[in-house]
């Protein structure tokens, strides 16, 4: 069974958050950075990885993504800022 990841992307203005799920975090974020992500991420230029969580299975990651998508915007930003207060691009130091 492959691992799964949820991840949050934002833009340079730090105004919009996108939550995604993938089985290969590095490849998926690289796609977003190259403009090959979803229409939403391309439209808002969401290329900065500000948060991620790793799971033992993709199904666990999907369940977490669904949970997070039900949170209010403020709660999502609070989660991100708790772990990444400077909103730095984690892709530059990706540990997953």
PDB file of N, CA and C in Angstrom:
ATOM      1  N   UNK A   1       0.842  -1.175   0.000  1.00  0.00           N
ATOM      2  CA  UNK A   1       0.000   0.000   0.000  1.00  0.00           C
ATOM      3  C   UNK A   1       0.893   1.246   0.000  1.00  0.00           C
ATOM      4  N   UNK A   2       0.561   2.203  -0.841  1.00  0.00           N
ATOM      5  CA  UNK A   2       1.397   3.402  -0.948  1.00  0.00           C
ATOM      6  C   UNK A   2       0.993   4.456   0.082  1.00  0.00           C
ATOM      7  N   UNK A   3       1.963   5.280   0.426  1.00  0.00           N
ATOM      8  CA  UNK A   3       1.707   6.378   1.350  1.00  0.00           C
ATOM      9  C   UNK A   3       0.814   7.405   0.684  1.00  0.00           C
ATOM     10  N   UNK A   4       0.239   8.270   1.513  1.00  0.00           N
ATOM     11  CA  UNK A   4      -0.578   9.358   1.006  1.00  0.00           C
ATOM     12  C   UNK A   4      -0.210  10.640   1.721  1.00  0.00           C
ATOM     13  N   UNK A   5      -0.479  11.748   1.075  1.00  0.00           N
ATOM     14  CA  UNK A   5      -0.139  13.055   1.627  1.00  0.00           C
ATOM     15  C   UNK A   5      -1.290  14.021   1.393  1.00  0.00           C
ATOM     16  N   UNK A   6      -1.539  14.877   2.367  1.00  0.00           N
ATOM     17  CA  UNK A   6      -2.373  16.049   2.126  1.00  0.00           C
ATOM     18  C   UNK A   6      -1.409  17.223   2.132  1.00  0.00           C
ATOM     19  N   UNK A   7      -1.761  18.247   1.383  1.00  0.00           N
ATOM     20  CA  UNK A   7      -0.863  19.395   1.305  1.00  0.00           C
ATOM     21  C   UNK A   7      -1.674  20.667   1.095  1.00  0.00           C
ATOM     22  N   UNK A   8      -1.101  21.759   1.546  1.00  0.00           N
ATOM     23  CA  UNK A   8      -1.699  23.075   1.380  1.00  0.00           C
ATOM     24  C   UNK A   8      -0.777  23.913   0.501  1.00  0.00           C
ATOM     25  N   UNK A   9      -1.354  24.556  -0.481  1.00  0.00           N
ATOM     26  CA  UNK A   9      -0.625  25.498  -1.325  1.00  0.00           C
ATOM     27  C   UNK A   9      -1.217  26.887  -1.147  1.00  0.00           C
ATOM     28  N   UNK A  10      -0.390  27.888  -1.309  1.00  0.00           N
ATOM     29  CA  UNK A  10      -0.853  29.271  -1.327  1.00  0.00           C
ATOM     30  C   UNK A  10      -0.085  30.005  -2.414  1.00  0.00           C
ATOM     31  N   UNK A  11      -0.365  31.315  -2.535  1.00  0.00           N
ATOM     32  CA  UNK A  11       0.318  32.131  -3.540  1.00  0.00           C
ATOM     33  C   UNK A  11       1.224  33.145  -2.855  1.00  0.00           C
ATOM     34  N   UNK A  12       1.885  33.974  -3.634  1.00  0.00           N
ATOM     35  CA  UNK A  12       2.825  34.944  -3.064  1.00  0.00           C
ATOM     36  C   UNK A  12       2.132  35.975  -2.186  1.00  0.00           C
ATOM     37  N   UNK A  13       0.861  36.243  -2.456  1.00  0.00           N
ATOM     38  CA  UNK A  13       0.108  37.191  -1.626  1.00  0.00           C
ATOM     39  C   UNK A  13      -0.375  36.544  -0.332  1.00  0.00           C
ATOM     40  N   UNK A  14      -0.306  35.225  -0.253  1.00  0.00           N
ATOM     41  CA  UNK A  14      -0.762  34.457   0.915  1.00  0.00           C
ATOM     42  C   UNK A  14      -2.246  34.745   1.207  1.00  0.00           C
ATOM     43  N   UNK A  15      -3.057  34.763   0.145  1.00  0.00           N
ATOM     44  CA  UNK A  15      -4.468  35.090   0.300  1.00  0.00           C
ATOM     45  C   UNK A  15      -5.400  33.895   0.117  1.00  0.00           C
ATOM     46  N   UNK A  16      -4.944  32.884  -0.579  1.00  0.00           N
ATOM     47  CA  UNK A  16      -5.790  31.735  -0.906  1.00  0.00           C
ATOM     48  C   UNK A  16      -5.077  30.462  -0.462  1.00  0.00           C
ATOM     49  N   UNK A  17      -5.853  29.513   0.073  1.00  0.00           N
ATOM     50  CA  UNK A  17      -5.304  28.199   0.419  1.00  0.00           C
ATOM     51  C   UNK A  17      -5.979  27.137  -0.436  1.00  0.00           C
ATOM     52  N   UNK A  18      -5.189  26.184  -0.877  1.00  0.00           N
ATOM     53  CA  UNK A  18      -5.689  25.026  -1.618  1.00  0.00           C
ATOM     54  C   UNK A  18      -5.249  23.784  -0.872  1.00  0.00           C
ATOM     55  N   UNK A  19      -6.174  22.846  -0.701  1.00  0.00           N
ATOM     56  CA  UNK A  19      -5.850  21.567  -0.062  1.00  0.00           C
ATOM     57  C   UNK A  19      -5.918  20.486  -1.131  1.00  0.00           C
ATOM     58  N   UNK A  20      -4.858  19.700  -1.212  1.00  0.00           N
ATOM     59  CA  UNK A  20      -4.824  18.608  -2.168  1.00  0.00           C
ATOM     60  C   UNK A  20      -4.381  17.323  -1.505  1.00  0.00           C
ATOM     61  N   UNK A  21      -4.502  16.238  -2.242  1.00  0.00           N
ATOM     62  CA  UNK A  21      -4.078  14.922  -1.765  1.00  0.00           C
ATOM     63  C   UNK A  21      -3.319  14.243  -2.900  1.00  0.00           C
ATOM     64  N   UNK A  22      -2.294  13.484  -2.544  1.00  0.00           N
ATOM     65  CA  UNK A  22      -1.481  12.820  -3.561  1.00  0.00           C
ATOM     66  C   UNK A  22      -0.756  11.626  -2.951  1.00  0.00           C
ATOM     67  N   UNK A  23      -0.258  10.770  -3.806  1.00  0.00           N
ATOM     68  CA  UNK A  23       0.568   9.655  -3.343  1.00  0.00           C
ATOM     69  C   UNK A  23       2.053   9.975  -3.499  1.00  0.00           C
ATOM     70  N   UNK A  24       2.376  11.064  -4.211  1.00  0.00           N
ATOM     71  CA  UNK A  24       3.772  11.476  -4.390  1.00  0.00           C
ATOM     72  C   UNK A  24       3.846  12.997  -4.269  1.00  0.00           C
ATOM     73  N   UNK A  25       4.160  13.454  -3.085  1.00  0.00           N
ATOM     74  CA  UNK A  25       4.123  14.882  -2.790  1.00  0.00           C
ATOM     75  C   UNK A  25       5.090  15.684  -3.653  1.00  0.00           C
ATOM     76  N   UNK A  26       6.313  15.224  -3.788  1.00  0.00           N
ATOM     77  CA  UNK A  26       7.308  15.960  -4.562  1.00  0.00           C
ATOM     78  C   UNK A  26       6.846  16.173  -6.000  1.00  0.00           C
ATOM     79  N   UNK A  27       6.416  15.120  -6.641  1.00  0.00           N
ATOM     80  CA  UNK A  27       5.979  15.214  -8.038  1.00  0.00           C
ATOM     81  C   UNK A  27       4.762  16.113  -8.190  1.00  0.00           C
ATOM     82  N   UNK A  28       3.822  15.976  -7.276  1.00  0.00           N
ATOM     83  CA  UNK A  28       2.589  16.753  -7.387  1.00  0.00           C
ATOM     84  C   UNK A  28       2.850  18.242  -7.202  1.00  0.00           C
ATOM     85  N   UNK A  29       3.647  18.618  -6.208  1.00  0.00           N
ATOM     86  CA  UNK A  29       3.946  20.036  -5.997  1.00  0.00           C
ATOM     87  C   UNK A  29       4.744  20.568  -7.186  1.00  0.00           C
ATOM     88  N   UNK A  30       5.647  19.766  -7.710  1.00  0.00           N
ATOM     89  CA  UNK A  30       6.417  20.179  -8.879  1.00  0.00           C
ATOM     90  C   UNK A  30       5.483  20.467 -10.060  1.00  0.00           C
ATOM     91  N   UNK A  31       4.440  19.649 -10.218  1.00  0.00           N
ATOM     92  CA  UNK A  31       3.448  19.891 -11.266  1.00  0.00           C
ATOM     93  C   UNK A  31       2.765  21.242 -11.061  1.00  0.00           C
ATOM     94  N   UNK A  32       2.353  21.517  -9.825  1.00  0.00           N
ATOM     95  CA  UNK A  32       1.713  22.804  -9.538  1.00  0.00           C
ATOM     96  C   UNK A  32       2.659  23.963  -9.848  1.00  0.00           C
ATOM     97  N   UNK A  33       3.904  23.835  -9.464  1.00  0.00           N
ATOM     98  CA  UNK A  33       4.887  24.895  -9.713  1.00  0.00           C
ATOM     99  C   UNK A  33       5.093  25.123 -11.208  1.00  0.00           C
ATOM    100  N   UNK A  34       4.906  24.087 -11.997  1.00  0.00           N
ATOM    101  CA  UNK A  34       5.043  24.199 -13.449  1.00  0.00           C
ATOM    102  C   UNK A  34       3.760  24.587 -14.156  1.00  0.00           C
ATOM    103  N   UNK A  35       2.717  24.902 -13.385  1.00  0.00           N
ATOM    104  CA  UNK A  35       1.441  25.305 -13.976  1.00  0.00           C
ATOM    105  C   UNK A  35       0.611  24.150 -14.483  1.00  0.00           C
ATOM    106  N   UNK A  36       0.957  22.929 -14.098  1.00  0.00           N
ATOM    107  CA  UNK A  36       0.250  21.742 -14.573  1.00  0.00           C
ATOM    108  C   UNK A  36      -0.751  21.213 -13.558  1.00  0.00           C
ATOM    109  N   UNK A  37      -0.997  21.967 -12.497  1.00  0.00           N
ATOM    110  CA  UNK A  37      -1.948  21.527 -11.483  1.00  0.00           C
ATOM    111  C   UNK A  37      -3.371  21.738 -11.974  1.00  0.00           C
ATOM    112  N   UNK A  38      -4.269  21.841 -11.045  1.00  0.00           N
ATOM    113  CA  UNK A  38      -5.669  22.054 -11.395  1.00  0.00           C
ATOM    114  C   UNK A  38      -5.878  23.460 -11.949  1.00  0.00           C
ATOM    115  N   UNK A  39      -7.033  23.698 -12.558  1.00  0.00           N
ATOM    116  CA  UNK A  39      -7.365  25.032 -13.057  1.00  0.00           C
ATOM    117  C   UNK A  39      -7.356  26.046 -11.921  1.00  0.00           C
ATOM    118  N   UNK A  40      -7.861  25.637 -10.761  1.00  0.00           N
ATOM    119  CA  UNK A  40      -7.919  26.533  -9.603  1.00  0.00           C
ATOM    120  C   UNK A  40      -6.529  26.974  -9.178  1.00  0.00           C
ATOM    121  N   UNK A  41      -5.603  26.014  -9.057  1.00  0.00           N
ATOM    122  CA  UNK A  41      -4.257  26.377  -8.617  1.00  0.00           C
ATOM    123  C   UNK A  41      -3.537  27.214  -9.667  1.00  0.00           C
ATOM    124  N   UNK A  42      -3.793  26.958 -10.927  1.00  0.00           N
ATOM    125  CA  UNK A  42      -3.187  27.755 -11.986  1.00  0.00           C
ATOM    126  C   UNK A  42      -3.756  29.172 -11.989  1.00  0.00           C
ATOM    127  N   UNK A  43      -5.062  29.290 -11.847  1.00  0.00           N
ATOM    128  CA  UNK A  43      -5.724  30.596 -11.872  1.00  0.00           C
ATOM    129  C   UNK A  43      -5.198  31.516 -10.775  1.00  0.00           C
ATOM    130  N   UNK A  44      -5.032  30.981  -9.564  1.00  0.00           N
ATOM    131  CA  UNK A  44      -4.604  31.789  -8.427  1.00  0.00           C
ATOM    132  C   UNK A  44      -3.104  31.695  -8.152  1.00  0.00           C
ATOM    133  N   UNK A  45      -2.369  31.034  -9.065  1.00  0.00           N
ATOM    134  CA  UNK A  45      -0.913  30.889  -8.954  1.00  0.00           C
ATOM    135  C   UNK A  45      -0.495  30.321  -7.589  1.00  0.00           C
ATOM    136  N   UNK A  46      -1.137  29.223  -7.237  1.00  0.00           N
ATOM    137  CA  UNK A  46      -0.886  28.560  -5.953  1.00  0.00           C
ATOM    138  C   UNK A  46       0.266  27.580  -6.130  1.00  0.00           C
ATOM    139  N   UNK A  47       1.448  28.017  -5.765  1.00  0.00           N
ATOM    140  CA  UNK A  47       2.656  27.215  -5.996  1.00  0.00           C
ATOM    141  C   UNK A  47       3.523  27.068  -4.750  1.00  0.00           C
ATOM    142  N   UNK A  48       3.117  27.658  -3.644  1.00  0.00           N
ATOM    143  CA  UNK A  48       3.943  27.632  -2.442  1.00  0.00           C
ATOM    144  C   UNK A  48       3.387  26.592  -1.464  1.00  0.00           C
ATOM    145  N   UNK A  49       4.171  25.569  -1.197  1.00  0.00           N
ATOM    146  CA  UNK A  49       3.790  24.511  -0.266  1.00  0.00           C
ATOM    147  C   UNK A  49       4.009  25.005   1.165  1.00  0.00           C
ATOM    148  N   UNK A  50       2.914  25.249   1.883  1.00  0.00           N
ATOM    149  CA  UNK A  50       3.044  25.795   3.233  1.00  0.00           C
ATOM    150  C   UNK A  50       2.747  24.775   4.334  1.00  0.00           C
ATOM    151  N   UNK A  51       2.222  23.606   3.957  1.00  0.00           N
ATOM    152  CA  UNK A  51       1.930  22.595   4.974  1.00  0.00           C
ATOM    153  C   UNK A  51       1.696  21.251   4.293  1.00  0.00           C
ATOM    154  N   UNK A  52       2.049  20.176   4.991  1.00  0.00           N
ATOM    155  CA  UNK A  52       1.791  18.833   4.478  1.00  0.00           C
ATOM    156  C   UNK A  52       1.742  17.845   5.641  1.00  0.00           C
ATOM    157  N   UNK A  53       0.998  16.782   5.443  1.00  0.00           N
ATOM    158  CA  UNK A  53       0.937  15.675   6.398  1.00  0.00           C
ATOM    159  C   UNK A  53       1.100  14.370   5.628  1.00  0.00           C
ATOM    160  N   UNK A  54       1.803  13.415   6.208  1.00  0.00           N
ATOM    161  CA  UNK A  54       2.039  12.113   5.583  1.00  0.00           C
ATOM    162  C   UNK A  54       1.180  11.060   6.270  1.00  0.00           C
ATOM    163  N   UNK A  55       0.624  10.145   5.473  1.00  0.00           N
ATOM    164  CA  UNK A  55      -0.208   9.053   5.991  1.00  0.00           C
ATOM    165  C   UNK A  55       0.277   7.718   5.441  1.00  0.00           C
ATOM    166  N   UNK A  56      -0.042   6.669   6.149  1.00  0.00           N
ATOM    167  CA  UNK A  56       0.387   5.334   5.734  1.00  0.00           C
ATOM    168  C   UNK A  56      -0.326   4.829   4.493  1.00  0.00           C
ATOM    169  N   UNK A  57      -1.464   5.409   4.177  1.00  0.00           N
ATOM    170  CA  UNK A  57      -2.204   4.990   2.983  1.00  0.00           C
ATOM    171  C   UNK A  57      -2.872   6.197   2.338  1.00  0.00           C
ATOM    172  N   UNK A  58      -3.124   6.073   1.058  1.00  0.00           N
ATOM    173  CA  UNK A  58      -3.787   7.146   0.331  1.00  0.00           C
ATOM    174  C   UNK A  58      -5.220   7.308   0.838  1.00  0.00           C
ATOM    175  N   UNK A  59      -5.848   6.227   1.260  1.00  0.00           N
ATOM    176  CA  UNK A  59      -7.228   6.336   1.757  1.00  0.00           C
ATOM    177  C   UNK A  59      -7.280   7.144   3.053  1.00  0.00           C
ATOM    178  N   UNK A  60      -6.267   7.006   3.910  1.00  0.00           N
ATOM    179  CA  UNK A  60      -6.204   7.823   5.126  1.00  0.00           C
ATOM    180  C   UNK A  60      -6.007   9.297   4.774  1.00  0.00           C
ATOM    181  N   UNK A  61      -5.183   9.557   3.770  1.00  0.00           N
ATOM    182  CA  UNK A  61      -4.949  10.940   3.333  1.00  0.00           C
ATOM    183  C   UNK A  61      -6.222  11.546   2.752  1.00  0.00           C
ATOM    184  N   UNK A  62      -6.963  10.771   1.985  1.00  0.00           N
ATOM    185  CA  UNK A  62      -8.220  11.255   1.409  1.00  0.00           C
ATOM    186  C   UNK A  62      -9.225  11.577   2.510  1.00  0.00           C
ATOM    187  N   UNK A  63      -9.292  10.720   3.518  1.00  0.00           N
ATOM    188  CA  UNK A  63     -10.202  10.976   4.645  1.00  0.00           C
ATOM    189  C   UNK A  63      -9.820  12.268   5.359  1.00  0.00           C
ATOM    190  N   UNK A  64      -8.531  12.501   5.556  1.00  0.00           N
ATOM    191  CA  UNK A  64      -8.075  13.731   6.204  1.00  0.00           C
ATOM    192  C   UNK A  64      -8.374  14.954   5.338  1.00  0.00           C
ATOM    193  N   UNK A  65      -8.174  14.825   4.033  1.00  0.00           N
ATOM    194  CA  UNK A  65      -8.475  15.928   3.121  1.00  0.00           C
ATOM    195  C   UNK A  65      -9.948  16.316   3.223  1.00  0.00           C
ATOM    196  N   UNK A  66     -10.828  15.329   3.236  1.00  0.00           N
ATOM    197  CA  UNK A  66     -12.270  15.600   3.353  1.00  0.00           C
ATOM    198  C   UNK A  66     -12.578  16.311   4.666  1.00  0.00           C
ATOM    199  N   UNK A  67     -11.927  15.875   5.733  1.00  0.00           N
ATOM    200  CA  UNK A  67     -12.125  16.504   7.034  1.00  0.00           C
ATOM    201  C   UNK A  67     -11.691  17.971   6.989  1.00  0.00           C
ATOM    202  N   UNK A  68     -10.509  18.217   6.462  1.00  0.00           N
ATOM    203  CA  UNK A  68      -9.975  19.579   6.411  1.00  0.00           C
ATOM    204  C   UNK A  68     -10.788  20.494   5.510  1.00  0.00           C
ATOM    205  N   UNK A  69     -11.321  19.965   4.443  1.00  0.00           N
ATOM    206  CA  UNK A  69     -12.112  20.793   3.531  1.00  0.00           C
ATOM    207  C   UNK A  69     -13.406  21.275   4.186  1.00  0.00           C
ATOM    208  N   UNK A  70     -13.818  20.627   5.260  1.00  0.00           N
ATOM    209  CA  UNK A  70     -15.008  21.065   5.994  1.00  0.00           C
ATOM    210  C   UNK A  70     -14.696  22.138   7.038  1.00  0.00           C
ATOM    211  N   UNK A  71     -13.438  22.385   7.282  1.00  0.00           N
ATOM    212  CA  UNK A  71     -13.047  23.413   8.244  1.00  0.00           C
ATOM    213  C   UNK A  71     -13.271  24.795   7.640  1.00  0.00           C
ATOM    214  N   UNK A  72     -13.478  25.774   8.517  1.00  0.00           N
ATOM    215  CA  UNK A  72     -13.556  27.163   8.079  1.00  0.00           C
ATOM    216  C   UNK A  72     -12.159  27.637   7.681  1.00  0.00           C
ATOM    217  N   UNK A  73     -12.130  28.664   6.865  1.00  0.00           N
ATOM    218  CA  UNK A  73     -10.870  29.214   6.362  1.00  0.00           C
ATOM    219  C   UNK A  73      -9.909  29.564   7.501  1.00  0.00           C
ATOM    220  N   UNK A  74     -10.429  30.171   8.549  1.00  0.00           N
ATOM    221  CA  UNK A  74      -9.592  30.579   9.679  1.00  0.00           C
ATOM    222  C   UNK A  74      -8.913  29.384  10.344  1.00  0.00           C
ATOM    223  N   UNK A  75      -9.639  28.289  10.494  1.00  0.00           N
ATOM    224  CA  UNK A  75      -9.072  27.088  11.094  1.00  0.00           C
ATOM    225  C   UNK A  75      -7.963  26.490  10.252  1.00  0.00           C
ATOM    226  N   UNK A  76      -8.131  26.529   8.940  1.00  0.00           N
ATOM    227  CA  UNK A  76      -7.097  26.018   8.034  1.00  0.00           C
ATOM    228  C   UNK A  76      -5.831  26.865   8.150  1.00  0.00           C
ATOM    229  N   UNK A  77      -6.003  28.188   8.131  1.00  0.00           N
ATOM    230  CA  UNK A  77      -4.845  29.075   8.261  1.00  0.00           C
ATOM    231  C   UNK A  77      -4.167  28.895   9.613  1.00  0.00           C
ATOM    232  N   UNK A  78      -4.957  28.706  10.671  1.00  0.00           N
ATOM    233  CA  UNK A  78      -4.367  28.484  11.999  1.00  0.00           C
ATOM    234  C   UNK A  78      -3.523  27.220  12.028  1.00  0.00           C
ATOM    235  N   UNK A  79      -4.000  26.150  11.399  1.00  0.00           N
ATOM    236  CA  UNK A  79      -3.230  24.906  11.333  1.00  0.00           C
ATOM    237  C   UNK A  79      -1.905  25.140  10.615  1.00  0.00           C
ATOM    238  N   UNK A  80      -1.960  25.803   9.492  1.00  0.00           N
ATOM    239  CA  UNK A  80      -0.750  26.086   8.722  1.00  0.00           C
ATOM    240  C   UNK A  80       0.222  26.922   9.549  1.00  0.00           C
ATOM    241  N   UNK A  81      -0.272  28.010  10.129  1.00  0.00           N
ATOM    242  CA  UNK A  81       0.599  28.932  10.862  1.00  0.00           C
ATOM    243  C   UNK A  81       1.162  28.329  12.142  1.00  0.00           C
ATOM    244  N   UNK A  82       0.457  27.344  12.695  1.00  0.00           N
ATOM    245  CA  UNK A  82       0.967  26.650  13.885  1.00  0.00           C
ATOM    246  C   UNK A  82       2.265  25.908  13.554  1.00  0.00           C
ATOM    247  N   UNK A  83       2.336  25.354  12.351  1.00  0.00           N
ATOM    248  CA  UNK A  83       3.492  24.555  11.942  1.00  0.00           C
ATOM    249  C   UNK A  83       4.478  25.317  11.053  1.00  0.00           C
ATOM    250  N   UNK A  84       4.005  26.393  10.453  1.00  0.00           N
ATOM    251  CA  UNK A  84       4.832  27.162   9.519  1.00  0.00           C
ATOM    252  C   UNK A  84       4.494  28.650   9.681  1.00  0.00           C
ATOM    253  N   UNK A  85       4.880  29.241  10.816  1.00  0.00           N
ATOM    254  CA  UNK A  85       4.472  30.624  11.114  1.00  0.00           C
ATOM    255  C   UNK A  85       4.935  31.663  10.104  1.00  0.00           C
ATOM    256  N   UNK A  86       6.041  31.418   9.422  1.00  0.00           N
ATOM    257  CA  UNK A  86       6.549  32.381   8.435  1.00  0.00           C
ATOM    258  C   UNK A  86       6.003  32.108   7.034  1.00  0.00           C
ATOM    259  N   UNK A  87       5.186  31.064   6.905  1.00  0.00           N
ATOM    260  CA  UNK A  87       4.596  30.665   5.620  1.00  0.00           C
ATOM    261  C   UNK A  87       5.674  30.485   4.553  1.00  0.00           C
ATOM    262  N   UNK A  88       6.741  29.810   4.945  1.00  0.00           N
ATOM    263  CA  UNK A  88       7.838  29.520   4.029  1.00  0.00           C
ATOM    264  C   UNK A  88       7.460  28.379   3.089  1.00  0.00           C
ATOM    265  N   UNK A  89       8.108  28.310   1.961  1.00  0.00           N
ATOM    266  CA  UNK A  89       7.854  27.261   0.983  1.00  0.00           C
ATOM    267  C   UNK A  89       8.567  25.983   1.419  1.00  0.00           C
ATOM    268  N   UNK A  90       7.802  25.032   1.933  1.00  0.00           N
ATOM    269  CA  UNK A  90       8.372  23.772   2.400  1.00  0.00           C
ATOM    270  C   UNK A  90       8.958  22.946   1.270  1.00  0.00           C
ATOM    271  N   UNK A  91       8.580  23.234   0.042  1.00  0.00           N
ATOM    272  CA  UNK A  91       9.112  22.471  -1.080  1.00  0.00           C
ATOM    273  C   UNK A  91      10.639  22.591  -1.141  1.00  0.00           C
ATOM    274  N   UNK A  92      11.135  23.727  -0.707  1.00  0.00           N
ATOM    275  CA  UNK A  92      12.586  23.970  -0.750  1.00  0.00           C
ATOM    276  C   UNK A  92      13.341  23.080   0.215  1.00  0.00           C
ATOM    277  N   UNK A  93      12.654  22.590   1.249  1.00  0.00           N
ATOM    278  CA  UNK A  93      13.284  21.720   2.251  1.00  0.00           C
ATOM    279  C   UNK A  93      12.454  20.464   2.470  1.00  0.00           C
ATOM    280  N   UNK A  94      11.802  19.986   1.421  1.00  0.00           N
ATOM    281  CA  UNK A  94      10.876  18.858   1.519  1.00  0.00           C
ATOM    282  C   UNK A  94      11.511  17.664   2.205  1.00  0.00           C
ATOM    283  N   UNK A  95      10.849  17.203   3.237  1.00  0.00           N
ATOM    284  CA  UNK A  95      11.354  16.081   4.038  1.00  0.00           C
ATOM    285  C   UNK A  95      10.565  14.797   3.801  1.00  0.00           C
ATOM    286  N   UNK A  96       9.579  14.818   2.954  1.00  0.00           N
ATOM    287  CA  UNK A  96       8.705  13.650   2.759  1.00  0.00           C
ATOM    288  C   UNK A  96       9.233  12.760   1.669  1.00  0.00           C
TER     289      UNK A  96
END
